[in-house]
Amino acid sequence: MSCKIPFVKMDGAGNDYIYVETLHRNLPNPSAAARRWSAYHTGIGSDGLVLIGKPTILSGADFSMRIFNADGSEAMMCGNASRCVGKYLYEKGLTTKDKIRLETKSGVKILSLSLSDAVNERGLRTVENVTVDMLEPRFDVAEQFTGNTPDLRHLPGLSDQGAEVRCSKFVSMGNPHFVIFVDDISKVDVAKAGSRLEYDPAFPARCNIEFAQVRPDGDIRTRVWERGSGITMACGTGACATAVAAAFFGLAHRKSHIQMDGGRLGVEWQETDNHVMLSGPAEFDFEGWIVADF
C-alpha cells in the first residue's frame, strides 16, 4: 500500500538532506526510503534522510532526530542536519524557543538559534544562524577505533598523487572521524582514498574521512568522504573533528573556520568545558510530496 509523504529539502553548507516530520505519522522502512529518495537521477537526490520526531520521555529533549545515510545505514549524529532541524522547527511554527534540546543517537544536543528581523510567510522571524553544542570529542571509542592507525604510505589516490601527509588523528563526535592533514589538498583523490579508508580494519564501524590543509590565513580547507554517502559538500561533525585535530596538533587555535566544498563553518573547542560548538547557516531548498510504497 502506498501513501504520499510531505518532505522538505534543506542544506547546511551544501550538506543536503530530505527532512520528514514524524510527530504525527510514522514513515515505514526509513532505510529503504533513504536509499530510494537519495538517488539523484531517480529520486529527490540528497546525502540522506532525516526524521524529525518526538523525543523519548526520559531524554528531557524537545524533539528528536534520526539520520539515515544515502546507503540506508543509520548515523549517530550530523551537525549540519541538526542545524537545519532547528531552523525547520522554528520557522514551521513547531516551537517558539530559540534554544532547543534535540535528542540524537549520540545524546541530547542544544541548538541555539540566531534570529533575524526578517519574517517568513507565517509571520515568524527567520533563523539566520544556528549554533550546536556538539558535546565533548573522544579519541578512544573502542567500538569505532581499534587504536591501530591505518598505513597511509601506499594508499591509492593519496601517496601516489604526491600529497604529503603531515599527521592524522581519530576523533569521535558521536560518530567516527579520521582526519588527515596534507600539505596540498588539491593533490588528494578523495574518492579513491576515502572509499578505501572508510572500510579500513582500524574502524570496526566504518569511518568518515576528512582531508584537511591549513591555509596561511588560518582557515582549514577540508574535503569529506562521508561514511555511507561518499563525497559530500560539507559535514558538521567532520568540521568539528577537523578543528579538534588541528588544535590537538597545534596547527590551529581552538577557534577556527573550516572551509568545505559547500561553505564555511565556524568551530570552537571550548577550554572551559571541552565542548565543541558548531555554527553555520541552514537553508530551505524546496518542498513537496513523494510516494512511499515500501
C-alpha atoms as a PDB file:
ATOM      1  CA  MET A   1       0.000   0.000   0.000  1.00  0.00           C
ATOM      2  CA  SER A   2       1.415   3.402  -0.949  1.00  0.00           C
ATOM      3  CA  CYS A   3       0.975   6.806   0.680  1.00  0.00           C
ATOM      4  CA  LYS A   4       2.080  10.361  -0.064  1.00  0.00           C
ATOM      5  CA  ILE A   5       4.650  11.779   2.325  1.00  0.00           C
ATOM      6  CA  PRO A   6       5.355  15.534   2.625  1.00  0.00           C
ATOM      7  CA  PHE A   7       9.057  16.396   2.682  1.00  0.00           C
ATOM      8  CA  VAL A   8      11.359  19.396   2.820  1.00  0.00           C
ATOM      9  CA  LYS A   9      14.783  19.527   1.205  1.00  0.00           C
ATOM     10  CA  MET A  10      17.297  21.565   3.232  1.00  0.00           C
ATOM     11  CA  ASP A  11      21.037  22.061   3.264  1.00  0.00           C
ATOM     12  CA  GLY A  12      23.685  23.267   5.655  1.00  0.00           C
ATOM     13  CA  ALA A  13      26.736  24.498   3.731  1.00  0.00           C
ATOM     14  CA  GLY A  14      25.679  22.263   0.843  1.00  0.00           C
ATOM     15  CA  ASN A  15      25.262  19.147   3.036  1.00  0.00           C
ATOM     16  CA  ASP A  16      21.753  18.300   1.803  1.00  0.00           C
ATOM     17  CA  TYR A  17      19.159  16.049   3.388  1.00  0.00           C
ATOM     18  CA  ILE A  18      15.496  15.201   2.939  1.00  0.00           C
ATOM     19  CA  TYR A  19      13.540  16.133   6.073  1.00  0.00           C
ATOM     20  CA  VAL A  20      10.329  14.342   7.038  1.00  0.00           C
ATOM     21  CA  GLU A  21       8.312  15.272  10.114  1.00  0.00           C
ATOM     22  CA  THR A  22       7.146  12.203  12.044  1.00  0.00           C
ATOM     23  CA  LEU A  23       5.487  13.930  15.008  1.00  0.00           C
ATOM     24  CA  HIS A  24       2.026  12.690  13.968  1.00  0.00           C
ATOM     25  CA  ARG A  25       2.840   9.968  11.438  1.00  0.00           C
ATOM     26  CA  ASN A  26       5.273   7.127  11.019  1.00  0.00           C
ATOM     27  CA  LEU A  27       7.478   6.544   7.987  1.00  0.00           C
ATOM     28  CA  PRO A  28       7.619   2.824   7.180  1.00  0.00           C
ATOM     29  CA  ASN A  29      11.095   1.475   6.459  1.00  0.00           C
ATOM     30  CA  PRO A  30      13.184   4.698   6.611  1.00  0.00           C
ATOM     31  CA  SER A  31      16.301   2.815   5.468  1.00  0.00           C
ATOM     32  CA  ALA A  32      14.645   1.895   2.178  1.00  0.00           C
ATOM     33  CA  ALA A  33      13.265   5.409   1.853  1.00  0.00           C
ATOM     34  CA  ALA A  34      16.738   6.901   2.333  1.00  0.00           C
ATOM     35  CA  ARG A  35      18.225   4.674  -0.366  1.00  0.00           C
ATOM     36  CA  ARG A  36      15.463   5.340  -2.896  1.00  0.00           C
ATOM     37  CA  TRP A  37      14.847   9.023  -2.268  1.00  0.00           C
ATOM     38  CA  SER A  38      18.535   9.998  -2.023  1.00  0.00           C
ATOM     39  CA  ALA A  39      19.254   8.871  -5.600  1.00  0.00           C
ATOM     40  CA  TYR A  40      19.856  11.955  -7.732  1.00  0.00           C
ATOM     41  CA  HIS A  41      18.576  10.572 -11.030  1.00  0.00           C
ATOM     42  CA  THR A  42      15.553   8.584  -9.866  1.00  0.00           C
ATOM     43  CA  GLY A  43      14.694  10.170  -6.501  1.00  0.00           C
ATOM     44  CA  ILE A  44      14.840  13.571  -4.830  1.00  0.00           C
ATOM     45  CA  GLY A  45      18.619  13.498  -4.507  1.00  0.00           C
ATOM     46  CA  SER A  46      20.405  14.033  -1.190  1.00  0.00           C
ATOM     47  CA  ASP A  47      23.076  12.903   1.250  1.00  0.00           C
ATOM     48  CA  GLY A  48      20.367  11.077   3.186  1.00  0.00           C
ATOM     49  CA  LEU A  49      17.093  11.265   5.105  1.00  0.00           C
ATOM     50  CA  VAL A  50      16.346  12.989   8.428  1.00  0.00           C
ATOM     51  CA  LEU A  51      13.282  12.204  10.546  1.00  0.00           C
ATOM     52  CA  ILE A  52      12.058  14.896  12.956  1.00  0.00           C
ATOM     53  CA  GLY A  53      10.013  13.322  15.730  1.00  0.00           C
ATOM     54  CA  LYS A  54       9.043  13.130  19.369  1.00  0.00           C
ATOM     55  CA  PRO A  55      11.765  12.522  21.961  1.00  0.00           C
ATOM     56  CA  THR A  56      11.792   9.664  24.424  1.00  0.00           C
ATOM     57  CA  ILE A  57      10.260  10.631  27.767  1.00  0.00           C
ATOM     58  CA  LEU A  58      13.444  10.181  29.788  1.00  0.00           C
ATOM     59  CA  SER A  59      15.671  12.298  27.491  1.00  0.00           C
ATOM     60  CA  GLY A  60      14.205  15.637  28.580  1.00  0.00           C
ATOM     61  CA  ALA A  61      14.517  16.836  24.984  1.00  0.00           C
ATOM     62  CA  ASP A  62      12.029  18.913  22.989  1.00  0.00           C
ATOM     63  CA  PHE A  63      12.304  16.921  19.756  1.00  0.00           C
ATOM     64  CA  SER A  64      14.264  14.014  18.297  1.00  0.00           C
ATOM     65  CA  MET A  65      16.256  13.500  15.114  1.00  0.00           C
ATOM     66  CA  ARG A  66      17.121  10.270  13.294  1.00  0.00           C
ATOM     67  CA  ILE A  67      19.514  10.269  10.337  1.00  0.00           C
ATOM     68  CA  PHE A  68      19.785   7.708   7.549  1.00  0.00           C
ATOM     69  CA  ASN A  69      22.661   7.899   5.080  1.00  0.00           C
ATOM     70  CA  ALA A  70      22.162   7.576   1.345  1.00  0.00           C
ATOM     71  CA  ASP A  71      23.000   3.864   1.570  1.00  0.00           C
ATOM     72  CA  GLY A  72      20.270   3.306   4.181  1.00  0.00           C
ATOM     73  CA  SER A  73      22.586   2.952   7.189  1.00  0.00           C
ATOM     74  CA  GLU A  74      21.635   4.925  10.295  1.00  0.00           C
ATOM     75  CA  ALA A  75      24.048   7.598  11.526  1.00  0.00           C
ATOM     76  CA  MET A  76      24.638   8.654  15.120  1.00  0.00           C
ATOM     77  CA  MET A  77      24.746  12.396  14.531  1.00  0.00           C
ATOM     78  CA  CYS A  78      25.028  15.125  11.894  1.00  0.00           C
ATOM     79  CA  GLY A  79      25.928  18.689  12.825  1.00  0.00           C
ATOM     80  CA  ASN A  80      24.606  20.255   9.633  1.00  0.00           C
ATOM     81  CA  ALA A  81      21.344  18.300   9.828  1.00  0.00           C
ATOM     82  CA  SER A  82      20.785  19.333  13.441  1.00  0.00           C
ATOM     83  CA  ARG A  83      21.193  22.994  12.488  1.00  0.00           C
ATOM     84  CA  CYS A  84      18.645  22.536   9.699  1.00  0.00           C
ATOM     85  CA  VAL A  85      16.262  20.868  12.153  1.00  0.00           C
ATOM     86  CA  GLY A  86      16.499  23.944  14.390  1.00  0.00           C
ATOM     87  CA  LYS A  87      15.550  26.227  11.521  1.00  0.00           C
ATOM     88  CA  TYR A  88      12.754  23.875  10.423  1.00  0.00           C
ATOM     89  CA  LEU A  89      11.188  23.660  13.885  1.00  0.00           C
ATOM     90  CA  TYR A  90      11.187  27.424  14.440  1.00  0.00           C
ATOM     91  CA  GLU A  91      10.186  28.641  11.001  1.00  0.00           C
ATOM     92  CA  LYS A  92       7.465  25.995  10.636  1.00  0.00           C
ATOM     93  CA  GLY A  93       5.959  27.211  13.908  1.00  0.00           C
ATOM     94  CA  LEU A  94       6.554  23.968  15.831  1.00  0.00           C
ATOM     95  CA  THR A  95       8.375  25.809  18.628  1.00  0.00           C
ATOM     96  CA  THR A  96       8.853  29.360  19.846  1.00  0.00           C
ATOM     97  CA  LYS A  97      12.088  28.523  21.648  1.00  0.00           C
ATOM     98  CA  ASP A  98      15.410  29.934  20.489  1.00  0.00           C
ATOM     99  CA  LYS A  99      17.187  27.187  22.460  1.00  0.00           C
ATOM    100  CA  ILE A 100      16.050  23.687  21.532  1.00  0.00           C
ATOM    101  CA  ARG A 101      17.025  20.392  23.130  1.00  0.00           C
ATOM    102  CA  LEU A 102      17.365  17.827  20.338  1.00  0.00           C
ATOM    103  CA  GLU A 103      17.632  14.109  21.058  1.00  0.00           C
ATOM    104  CA  THR A 104      20.036  12.221  18.778  1.00  0.00           C
ATOM    105  CA  LYS A 105      21.609   8.770  18.892  1.00  0.00           C
ATOM    106  CA  SER A 106      24.747  10.398  20.328  1.00  0.00           C
ATOM    107  CA  GLY A 107      22.974  12.301  23.090  1.00  0.00           C
ATOM    108  CA  VAL A 108      20.885  15.437  23.549  1.00  0.00           C
ATOM    109  CA  LYS A 109      22.287  18.450  21.690  1.00  0.00           C
ATOM    110  CA  ILE A 110      21.455  22.079  22.462  1.00  0.00           C
ATOM    111  CA  LEU A 111      20.585  24.194  19.405  1.00  0.00           C
ATOM    112  CA  SER A 112      20.943  27.976  19.836  1.00  0.00           C
ATOM    113  CA  LEU A 113      19.085  29.942  17.161  1.00  0.00           C
ATOM    114  CA  SER A 114      20.139  33.410  15.993  1.00  0.00           C
ATOM    115  CA  LEU A 115      17.018  35.175  14.722  1.00  0.00           C
ATOM    116  CA  SER A 116      16.919  37.911  12.091  1.00  0.00           C
ATOM    117  CA  ASP A 117      14.461  40.797  11.862  1.00  0.00           C
ATOM    118  CA  ALA A 118      13.039  39.390   8.621  1.00  0.00           C
ATOM    119  CA  VAL A 119       9.803  37.374   8.801  1.00  0.00           C
ATOM    120  CA  ASN A 120       8.583  34.452   6.714  1.00  0.00           C
ATOM    121  CA  GLU A 121       5.180  33.777   5.161  1.00  0.00           C
ATOM    122  CA  ARG A 122       3.903  32.610   8.558  1.00  0.00           C
ATOM    123  CA  GLY A 123       4.824  35.948  10.107  1.00  0.00           C
ATOM    124  CA  LEU A 124       7.629  34.322  12.119  1.00  0.00           C
ATOM    125  CA  ARG A 125      11.150  35.679  12.381  1.00  0.00           C
ATOM    126  CA  THR A 126      13.606  33.755  10.241  1.00  0.00           C
ATOM    127  CA  VAL A 127      16.575  31.842  11.593  1.00  0.00           C
ATOM    128  CA  GLU A 128      19.817  33.387  10.399  1.00  0.00           C
ATOM    129  CA  ASN A 129      22.312  31.049  12.037  1.00  0.00           C
ATOM    130  CA  VAL A 130      22.314  28.018  14.316  1.00  0.00           C
ATOM    131  CA  THR A 131      24.966  27.005  16.848  1.00  0.00           C
ATOM    132  CA  VAL A 132      25.019  23.435  18.114  1.00  0.00           C
ATOM    133  CA  ASP A 133      26.690  22.231  21.290  1.00  0.00           C
ATOM    134  CA  MET A 134      28.272  19.036  19.962  1.00  0.00           C
ATOM    135  CA  LEU A 135      29.470  17.994  23.442  1.00  0.00           C
ATOM    136  CA  GLU A 136      32.986  16.621  24.016  1.00  0.00           C
ATOM    137  CA  PRO A 137      35.193  14.924  21.418  1.00  0.00           C
ATOM    138  CA  ARG A 138      36.578  11.484  22.218  1.00  0.00           C
ATOM    139  CA  PHE A 139      39.700   9.756  20.974  1.00  0.00           C
ATOM    140  CA  ASP A 140      39.313   6.279  22.440  1.00  0.00           C
ATOM    141  CA  VAL A 141      35.951   4.784  21.423  1.00  0.00           C
ATOM    142  CA  ALA A 142      36.745   1.079  21.168  1.00  0.00           C
ATOM    143  CA  GLU A 143      33.719   0.173  19.040  1.00  0.00           C
ATOM    144  CA  GLN A 144      34.759   2.825  16.491  1.00  0.00           C
ATOM    145  CA  PHE A 145      38.577   2.660  16.514  1.00  0.00           C
ATOM    146  CA  THR A 146      40.976  -0.181  17.277  1.00  0.00           C
ATOM    147  CA  GLY A 147      43.825   2.201  18.038  1.00  0.00           C
ATOM    148  CA  ASN A 148      45.840   0.945  15.064  1.00  0.00           C
ATOM    149  CA  THR A 149      46.334   3.906  12.739  1.00  0.00           C
ATOM    150  CA  PRO A 150      45.906   2.963   9.057  1.00  0.00           C
ATOM    151  CA  ASP A 151      49.045   2.814   6.927  1.00  0.00           C
ATOM    152  CA  LEU A 152      48.789   5.862   4.656  1.00  0.00           C
ATOM    153  CA  ARG A 153      52.134   5.431   2.880  1.00  0.00           C
ATOM    154  CA  HIS A 154      50.868   3.452  -0.090  1.00  0.00           C
ATOM    155  CA  LEU A 155      47.217   4.463  -0.137  1.00  0.00           C
ATOM    156  CA  PRO A 156      45.819   4.681  -3.687  1.00  0.00           C
ATOM    157  CA  GLY A 157      44.780   8.202  -4.540  1.00  0.00           C
ATOM    158  CA  LEU A 158      46.872   9.773  -1.774  1.00  0.00           C
ATOM    159  CA  SER A 159      50.564   8.893  -1.758  1.00  0.00           C
ATOM    160  CA  ASP A 160      50.612   8.119  -5.484  1.00  0.00           C
ATOM    161  CA  GLN A 161      49.221  11.596  -6.194  1.00  0.00           C
ATOM    162  CA  GLY A 162      52.145  13.245  -4.426  1.00  0.00           C
ATOM    163  CA  ALA A 163      50.136  14.551  -1.450  1.00  0.00           C
ATOM    164  CA  GLU A 164      52.399  14.622   1.600  1.00  0.00           C
ATOM    165  CA  VAL A 165      50.712  13.554   4.833  1.00  0.00           C
ATOM    166  CA  ARG A 166      51.678  15.715   7.820  1.00  0.00           C
ATOM    167  CA  CYS A 167      49.694  13.972  10.562  1.00  0.00           C
ATOM    168  CA  SER A 168      46.420  12.160  11.202  1.00  0.00           C
ATOM    169  CA  LYS A 169      44.037  11.709  14.106  1.00  0.00           C
ATOM    170  CA  PHE A 170      40.930   9.704  15.031  1.00  0.00           C
ATOM    171  CA  VAL A 171      38.213  11.860  16.612  1.00  0.00           C
ATOM    172  CA  SER A 172      34.731  10.735  17.621  1.00  0.00           C
ATOM    173  CA  MET A 173      31.981  13.366  17.639  1.00  0.00           C
ATOM    174  CA  GLY A 174      29.412  10.702  18.439  1.00  0.00           C
ATOM    175  CA  ASN A 175      30.177   9.253  15.025  1.00  0.00           C
ATOM    176  CA  PRO A 176      33.721   8.253  13.963  1.00  0.00           C
ATOM    177  CA  HIS A 177      36.089  10.525  12.010  1.00  0.00           C
ATOM    178  CA  PHE A 178      39.650  10.109  10.809  1.00  0.00           C
ATOM    179  CA  VAL A 179      41.314  13.425   9.913  1.00  0.00           C
ATOM    180  CA  ILE A 180      44.354  13.526   7.622  1.00  0.00           C
ATOM    181  CA  PHE A 181      46.354  16.753   7.282  1.00  0.00           C
ATOM    182  CA  VAL A 182      48.189  17.200   3.994  1.00  0.00           C
ATOM    183  CA  ASP A 183      50.373  19.928   2.502  1.00  0.00           C
ATOM    184  CA  ASP A 184      48.334  20.187  -0.702  1.00  0.00           C
ATOM    185  CA  ILE A 185      44.722  19.043  -0.634  1.00  0.00           C
ATOM    186  CA  SER A 186      44.338  19.595  -4.383  1.00  0.00           C
ATOM    187  CA  LYS A 187      46.526  16.531  -4.970  1.00  0.00           C
ATOM    188  CA  VAL A 188      44.283  14.182  -2.962  1.00  0.00           C
ATOM    189  CA  ASP A 189      41.934  11.834  -4.801  1.00  0.00           C
ATOM    190  CA  VAL A 190      39.199  11.970  -2.176  1.00  0.00           C
ATOM    191  CA  ALA A 191      37.063   9.258  -3.772  1.00  0.00           C
ATOM    192  CA  LYS A 192      39.852   6.672  -4.016  1.00  0.00           C
ATOM    193  CA  ALA A 193      41.472   7.360  -0.676  1.00  0.00           C
ATOM    194  CA  GLY A 194      38.224   7.934   1.198  1.00  0.00           C
ATOM    195  CA  SER A 195      36.448   4.834  -0.066  1.00  0.00           C
ATOM    196  CA  ARG A 196      39.419   2.675   0.896  1.00  0.00           C
ATOM    197  CA  LEU A 197      39.824   4.189   4.356  1.00  0.00           C
ATOM    198  CA  GLU A 198      36.113   4.018   5.209  1.00  0.00           C
ATOM    199  CA  TYR A 199      36.432   0.217   5.380  1.00  0.00           C
ATOM    200  CA  ASP A 200      39.931   0.026   6.886  1.00  0.00           C
ATOM    201  CA  PRO A 201      40.229  -2.657   9.629  1.00  0.00           C
ATOM    202  CA  ALA A 202      41.143   0.113  12.074  1.00  0.00           C
ATOM    203  CA  PHE A 203      37.481   1.201  12.044  1.00  0.00           C
ATOM    204  CA  PRO A 204      35.100  -1.585  13.153  1.00  0.00           C
ATOM    205  CA  ALA A 205      32.029   0.550  12.410  1.00  0.00           C
ATOM    206  CA  ARG A 206      33.489   2.097   9.223  1.00  0.00           C
ATOM    207  CA  CYS A 207      34.541   5.731   9.347  1.00  0.00           C
ATOM    208  CA  ASN A 208      34.085   9.237   7.983  1.00  0.00           C
ATOM    209  CA  ILE A 209      37.312  10.514   6.410  1.00  0.00           C
ATOM    210  CA  GLU A 210      38.464  14.154   6.286  1.00  0.00           C
ATOM    211  CA  PHE A 211      41.377  15.505   4.239  1.00  0.00           C
ATOM    212  CA  ALA A 212      42.498  18.914   5.501  1.00  0.00           C
ATOM    213  CA  GLN A 213      45.017  21.637   4.709  1.00  0.00           C
ATOM    214  CA  VAL A 214      45.710  24.593   6.998  1.00  0.00           C
ATOM    215  CA  ARG A 215      45.847  27.748   4.898  1.00  0.00           C
ATOM    216  CA  PRO A 216      48.090  30.770   5.548  1.00  0.00           C
ATOM    217  CA  ASP A 217      45.030  32.819   6.606  1.00  0.00           C
ATOM    218  CA  GLY A 218      44.236  30.277   9.315  1.00  0.00           C
ATOM    219  CA  ASP A 219      41.197  28.735   7.625  1.00  0.00           C
ATOM    220  CA  ILE A 220      41.284  24.957   7.285  1.00  0.00           C
ATOM    221  CA  ARG A 221      40.353  23.698   3.832  1.00  0.00           C
ATOM    222  CA  THR A 222      38.633  20.342   4.262  1.00  0.00           C
ATOM    223  CA  ARG A 223      37.112  17.753   1.956  1.00  0.00           C
ATOM    224  CA  VAL A 224      34.966  14.912   3.214  1.00  0.00           C
ATOM    225  CA  TRP A 225      34.332  11.280   2.375  1.00  0.00           C
ATOM    226  CA  GLU A 226      31.209  10.558   4.426  1.00  0.00           C
ATOM    227  CA  ARG A 227      30.523   7.062   5.687  1.00  0.00           C
ATOM    228  CA  GLY A 228      27.549   5.676   3.782  1.00  0.00           C
ATOM    229  CA  SER A 229      27.225   8.676   1.439  1.00  0.00           C
ATOM    230  CA  GLY A 230      30.578   9.241  -0.314  1.00  0.00           C
ATOM    231  CA  ILE A 231      31.892  12.715  -1.140  1.00  0.00           C
ATOM    232  CA  THR A 232      29.684  15.370   0.448  1.00  0.00           C
ATOM    233  CA  MET A 233      29.707  19.153   0.148  1.00  0.00           C
ATOM    234  CA  ALA A 234      30.092  19.527   3.916  1.00  0.00           C
ATOM    235  CA  CYS A 235      29.907  17.603   7.173  1.00  0.00           C
ATOM    236  CA  GLY A 236      29.226  19.270  10.511  1.00  0.00           C
ATOM    237  CA  THR A 237      30.707  16.576  12.715  1.00  0.00           C
ATOM    238  CA  GLY A 238      33.595  16.365  10.230  1.00  0.00           C
ATOM    239  CA  ALA A 239      34.227  20.094  10.599  1.00  0.00           C
ATOM    240  CA  CYS A 240      34.282  19.648  14.385  1.00  0.00           C
ATOM    241  CA  ALA A 241      36.641  16.669  14.186  1.00  0.00           C
ATOM    242  CA  THR A 242      38.950  18.611  11.863  1.00  0.00           C
ATOM    243  CA  ALA A 243      39.043  21.643  14.157  1.00  0.00           C
ATOM    244  CA  VAL A 244      39.721  19.473  17.211  1.00  0.00           C
ATOM    245  CA  ALA A 245      42.500  17.556  15.454  1.00  0.00           C
ATOM    246  CA  ALA A 246      44.086  20.791  14.210  1.00  0.00           C
ATOM    247  CA  ALA A 247      44.093  22.237  17.729  1.00  0.00           C
ATOM    248  CA  PHE A 248      45.406  18.947  19.144  1.00  0.00           C
ATOM    249  CA  PHE A 249      48.449  19.089  16.845  1.00  0.00           C
ATOM    250  CA  GLY A 250      48.949  22.832  17.330  1.00  0.00           C
ATOM    251  CA  LEU A 251      48.103  23.562  13.696  1.00  0.00           C
ATOM    252  CA  ALA A 252      45.308  25.985  14.640  1.00  0.00           C
ATOM    253  CA  HIS A 253      43.766  27.683  17.654  1.00  0.00           C
ATOM    254  CA  ARG A 254      40.746  26.267  19.462  1.00  0.00           C
ATOM    255  CA  LYS A 255      38.509  28.619  17.473  1.00  0.00           C
ATOM    256  CA  SER A 256      38.739  28.160  13.710  1.00  0.00           C
ATOM    257  CA  HIS A 257      36.874  28.249  10.422  1.00  0.00           C
ATOM    258  CA  ILE A 258      36.517  25.158   8.269  1.00  0.00           C
ATOM    259  CA  GLN A 259      36.124  25.788   4.532  1.00  0.00           C
ATOM    260  CA  MET A 260      34.348  22.865   2.899  1.00  0.00           C
ATOM    261  CA  ASP A 261      33.175  22.369  -0.671  1.00  0.00           C
ATOM    262  CA  GLY A 262      29.743  23.785   0.163  1.00  0.00           C
ATOM    263  CA  GLY A 263      30.606  26.623   2.528  1.00  0.00           C
ATOM    264  CA  ARG A 264      32.348  27.865   5.661  1.00  0.00           C
ATOM    265  CA  LEU A 265      31.572  26.618   9.175  1.00  0.00           C
ATOM    266  CA  GLY A 266      32.742  28.038  12.485  1.00  0.00           C
ATOM    267  CA  VAL A 267      34.004  25.707  15.216  1.00  0.00           C
ATOM    268  CA  GLU A 268      35.148  26.455  18.765  1.00  0.00           C
ATOM    269  CA  TRP A 269      36.597  23.788  21.069  1.00  0.00           C
ATOM    270  CA  GLN A 270      35.921  25.441  24.412  1.00  0.00           C
ATOM    271  CA  GLU A 271      38.546  25.222  27.112  1.00  0.00           C
ATOM    272  CA  THR A 272      36.027  25.768  29.918  1.00  0.00           C
ATOM    273  CA  ASP A 273      34.062  22.530  29.438  1.00  0.00           C
ATOM    274  CA  ASN A 274      35.795  20.810  26.487  1.00  0.00           C
ATOM    275  CA  HIS A 275      32.589  21.076  24.437  1.00  0.00           C
ATOM    276  CA  VAL A 276      32.720  21.719  20.700  1.00  0.00           C
ATOM    277  CA  MET A 277      30.441  24.446  19.340  1.00  0.00           C
ATOM    278  CA  LEU A 278      29.456  24.322  15.650  1.00  0.00           C
ATOM    279  CA  SER A 279      27.989  27.391  13.907  1.00  0.00           C
ATOM    280  CA  GLY A 280      26.771  27.996  10.386  1.00  0.00           C
ATOM    281  CA  PRO A 281      23.838  28.687   8.089  1.00  0.00           C
ATOM    282  CA  ALA A 282      20.897  26.432   7.262  1.00  0.00           C
ATOM    283  CA  GLU A 283      18.706  26.828   4.183  1.00  0.00           C
ATOM    284  CA  PHE A 284      15.366  25.639   2.824  1.00  0.00           C
ATOM    285  CA  ASP A 285      15.799  24.436  -0.769  1.00  0.00           C
ATOM    286  CA  PHE A 286      12.350  23.170  -1.771  1.00  0.00           C
ATOM    287  CA  GLU A 287       9.474  21.023  -0.541  1.00  0.00           C
ATOM    288  CA  GLY A 288       6.878  18.691  -1.941  1.00  0.00           C
ATOM    289  CA  TRP A 289       5.259  15.262  -1.701  1.00  0.00           C
ATOM    290  CA  ILE A 290       6.693  11.872  -2.535  1.00  0.00           C
ATOM    291  CA  VAL A 291       5.082   8.454  -2.696  1.00  0.00           C
ATOM    292  CA  ALA A 292       6.165   5.844  -0.151  1.00  0.00           C
ATOM    293  CA  ASP A 293       5.416   2.365  -1.467  1.00  0.00           C
ATOM    294  CA  PHE A 294       7.714   0.101   0.537  1.00  0.00           C
END
